[in-house]
Amino acid sequence: LQPDAMGWDAFRGGAELSLQVDDTQRRGGPVAFAVRASGAAVASALAVSVIDVASAREVAQQRLAAREDGTHAASLAPLPAGVYRLQVSGSGTSVVDSFVVA
């Protein structure tokens, strides 16, 4: 079986996002993160949503403009101590990671 025979781009939808955020963020400091988009996701704006895990409430949202190279470095305003879920969505795909503010 050859890797190209599967048509993985069609299977995955041709759009991918990867998210990098440190597991622990310092209380009182900005929450820094990076996103890399590839495929169809490069050409679309990305929606960022931050959910407080304890209350299940959205506590922050942000839009990231499309960039030709697909990379985004961004930060959010400081958040209170707690556990949060960060979701980035675009072109019908999304990626999620969690972090703690301590």
C-alpha atoms as a PDB file:
ATOM      1  CA  LEU A   1       0.000   0.000   0.000  1.00  0.00           C
ATOM      2  CA  GLN A   2       1.432   3.340  -1.038  1.00  0.00           C
ATOM      3  CA  PRO A   3       0.783   6.420   1.175  1.00  0.00           C
ATOM      4  CA  ASP A   4      -0.423   8.490  -1.798  1.00  0.00           C
ATOM      5  CA  ALA A   5      -2.943   5.809  -2.780  1.00  0.00           C
ATOM      6  CA  MET A   6      -5.189   6.671   0.178  1.00  0.00           C
ATOM      7  CA  GLY A   7      -5.871  10.284  -0.779  1.00  0.00           C
ATOM      8  CA  TRP A   8      -5.406  11.523   2.791  1.00  0.00           C
ATOM      9  CA  ASP A   9      -6.133  15.146   1.865  1.00  0.00           C
ATOM     10  CA  ALA A  10      -9.651  14.188   0.774  1.00  0.00           C
ATOM     11  CA  PHE A  11     -10.092  12.066   3.889  1.00  0.00           C
ATOM     12  CA  ARG A  12      -8.985  14.902   6.194  1.00  0.00           C
ATOM     13  CA  GLY A  13     -10.857  17.530   4.239  1.00  0.00           C
ATOM     14  CA  GLY A  14      -7.674  19.259   3.092  1.00  0.00           C
ATOM     15  CA  ALA A  15      -7.646  21.723   6.010  1.00  0.00           C
ATOM     16  CA  GLU A  16      -5.558  21.352   9.125  1.00  0.00           C
ATOM     17  CA  LEU A  17      -4.873  23.446  12.198  1.00  0.00           C
ATOM     18  CA  SER A  18      -2.244  22.925  14.852  1.00  0.00           C
ATOM     19  CA  LEU A  19      -2.206  24.786  18.154  1.00  0.00           C
ATOM     20  CA  GLN A  20       0.629  25.451  20.564  1.00  0.00           C
ATOM     21  CA  VAL A  21      -0.123  26.823  24.012  1.00  0.00           C
ATOM     22  CA  ASP A  22       1.891  26.299  27.201  1.00  0.00           C
ATOM     23  CA  ASP A  23       0.145  24.049  29.718  1.00  0.00           C
ATOM     24  CA  THR A  24       0.680  26.603  32.489  1.00  0.00           C
ATOM     25  CA  GLN A  25       0.167  30.333  32.107  1.00  0.00           C
ATOM     26  CA  ARG A  26       1.153  32.914  34.704  1.00  0.00           C
ATOM     27  CA  ARG A  27      -1.706  34.692  36.476  1.00  0.00           C
ATOM     28  CA  GLY A  28      -1.705  38.379  35.580  1.00  0.00           C
ATOM     29  CA  GLY A  29       0.144  37.834  32.309  1.00  0.00           C
ATOM     30  CA  PRO A  30      -1.142  37.530  28.759  1.00  0.00           C
ATOM     31  CA  VAL A  31      -2.028  34.062  27.453  1.00  0.00           C
ATOM     32  CA  ALA A  32       0.262  33.506  24.467  1.00  0.00           C
ATOM     33  CA  PHE A  33      -0.432  30.875  21.812  1.00  0.00           C
ATOM     34  CA  ALA A  34       0.479  30.015  18.227  1.00  0.00           C
ATOM     35  CA  VAL A  35      -1.595  28.495  15.432  1.00  0.00           C
ATOM     36  CA  ARG A  36      -0.448  26.999  12.156  1.00  0.00           C
ATOM     37  CA  ALA A  37      -2.984  26.531   9.381  1.00  0.00           C
ATOM     38  CA  SER A  38      -2.488  24.441   6.261  1.00  0.00           C
ATOM     39  CA  GLY A  39      -4.595  23.456   3.286  1.00  0.00           C
ATOM     40  CA  ALA A  40      -7.914  25.293   2.982  1.00  0.00           C
ATOM     41  CA  ALA A  41      -7.568  26.725   6.500  1.00  0.00           C
ATOM     42  CA  VAL A  42      -4.751  29.063   5.355  1.00  0.00           C
ATOM     43  CA  ALA A  43      -7.165  31.191   3.340  1.00  0.00           C
ATOM     44  CA  SER A  44      -9.755  31.648   6.091  1.00  0.00           C
ATOM     45  CA  ALA A  45     -10.002  33.796   9.173  1.00  0.00           C
ATOM     46  CA  LEU A  46      -9.726  31.811  12.396  1.00  0.00           C
ATOM     47  CA  ALA A  47     -12.064  32.056  15.367  1.00  0.00           C
ATOM     48  CA  VAL A  48     -10.555  31.691  18.841  1.00  0.00           C
ATOM     49  CA  SER A  49     -12.709  30.798  21.836  1.00  0.00           C
ATOM     50  CA  VAL A  50     -11.649  30.351  25.470  1.00  0.00           C
ATOM     51  CA  ILE A  51     -13.911  28.393  27.823  1.00  0.00           C
ATOM     52  CA  ASP A  52     -13.620  28.366  31.623  1.00  0.00           C
ATOM     53  CA  VAL A  53     -13.802  24.620  32.329  1.00  0.00           C
ATOM     54  CA  ALA A  54     -15.325  25.019  35.822  1.00  0.00           C
ATOM     55  CA  SER A  55     -18.281  27.131  34.669  1.00  0.00           C
ATOM     56  CA  ALA A  56     -18.440  26.017  30.989  1.00  0.00           C
ATOM     57  CA  ARG A  57     -18.706  29.735  30.081  1.00  0.00           C
ATOM     58  CA  GLU A  58     -16.908  31.393  27.205  1.00  0.00           C
ATOM     59  CA  VAL A  59     -14.618  33.995  28.770  1.00  0.00           C
ATOM     60  CA  ALA A  60     -12.787  35.298  25.698  1.00  0.00           C
ATOM     61  CA  GLN A  61     -13.036  35.286  21.941  1.00  0.00           C
ATOM     62  CA  GLN A  62     -10.872  36.639  19.178  1.00  0.00           C
ATOM     63  CA  ARG A  63     -10.609  36.554  15.371  1.00  0.00           C
ATOM     64  CA  LEU A  64      -7.302  35.977  13.623  1.00  0.00           C
ATOM     65  CA  ALA A  65      -7.065  37.287  10.067  1.00  0.00           C
ATOM     66  CA  ALA A  66      -5.953  34.929   7.309  1.00  0.00           C
ATOM     67  CA  ARG A  67      -2.201  35.019   6.599  1.00  0.00           C
ATOM     68  CA  GLU A  68      -0.459  33.763   3.487  1.00  0.00           C
ATOM     69  CA  ASP A  69       2.025  31.616   5.391  1.00  0.00           C
ATOM     70  CA  GLY A  70      -0.668  30.152   7.674  1.00  0.00           C
ATOM     71  CA  THR A  71       1.107  31.057  10.928  1.00  0.00           C
ATOM     72  CA  HIS A  72      -0.412  33.116  13.712  1.00  0.00           C
ATOM     73  CA  ALA A  73       1.145  34.243  16.976  1.00  0.00           C
ATOM     74  CA  ALA A  74      -1.424  35.782  19.279  1.00  0.00           C
ATOM     75  CA  SER A  75      -2.167  36.532  22.882  1.00  0.00           C
ATOM     76  CA  LEU A  76      -5.212  37.014  25.037  1.00  0.00           C
ATOM     77  CA  ALA A  77      -5.751  39.396  27.930  1.00  0.00           C
ATOM     78  CA  PRO A  78      -4.829  38.012  31.375  1.00  0.00           C
ATOM     79  CA  LEU A  79      -7.296  35.523  32.855  1.00  0.00           C
ATOM     80  CA  PRO A  80      -8.068  34.687  36.486  1.00  0.00           C
ATOM     81  CA  ALA A  81      -6.606  31.513  38.004  1.00  0.00           C
ATOM     82  CA  GLY A  82      -8.345  28.396  36.702  1.00  0.00           C
ATOM     83  CA  VAL A  83      -8.462  25.733  33.996  1.00  0.00           C
ATOM     84  CA  TYR A  84      -9.355  26.797  30.464  1.00  0.00           C
ATOM     85  CA  ARG A  85     -10.016  25.213  27.082  1.00  0.00           C
ATOM     86  CA  LEU A  86      -8.728  27.057  24.000  1.00  0.00           C
ATOM     87  CA  GLN A  87     -10.409  26.255  20.677  1.00  0.00           C
ATOM     88  CA  VAL A  88      -9.372  27.577  17.267  1.00  0.00           C
ATOM     89  CA  SER A  89     -11.703  27.011  14.296  1.00  0.00           C
ATOM     90  CA  GLY A  90     -11.569  27.752  10.590  1.00  0.00           C
ATOM     91  CA  SER A  91     -12.589  26.212   7.258  1.00  0.00           C
ATOM     92  CA  GLY A  92     -14.776  23.573   8.904  1.00  0.00           C
ATOM     93  CA  THR A  93     -12.020  22.227  11.153  1.00  0.00           C
ATOM     94  CA  SER A  94     -10.956  22.991  14.704  1.00  0.00           C
ATOM     95  CA  VAL A  95      -8.269  22.219  17.248  1.00  0.00           C
ATOM     96  CA  VAL A  96      -8.571  22.294  21.046  1.00  0.00           C
ATOM     97  CA  ASP A  97      -6.069  22.370  23.901  1.00  0.00           C
ATOM     98  CA  SER A  98      -6.287  23.079  27.627  1.00  0.00           C
ATOM     99  CA  PHE A  99      -4.166  25.194  29.934  1.00  0.00           C
ATOM    100  CA  VAL A 100      -4.030  26.297  33.560  1.00  0.00           C
ATOM    101  CA  VAL A 101      -3.609  29.844  34.831  1.00  0.00           C
ATOM    102  CA  ALA A 102      -1.848  29.732  38.191  1.00  0.00           C
END
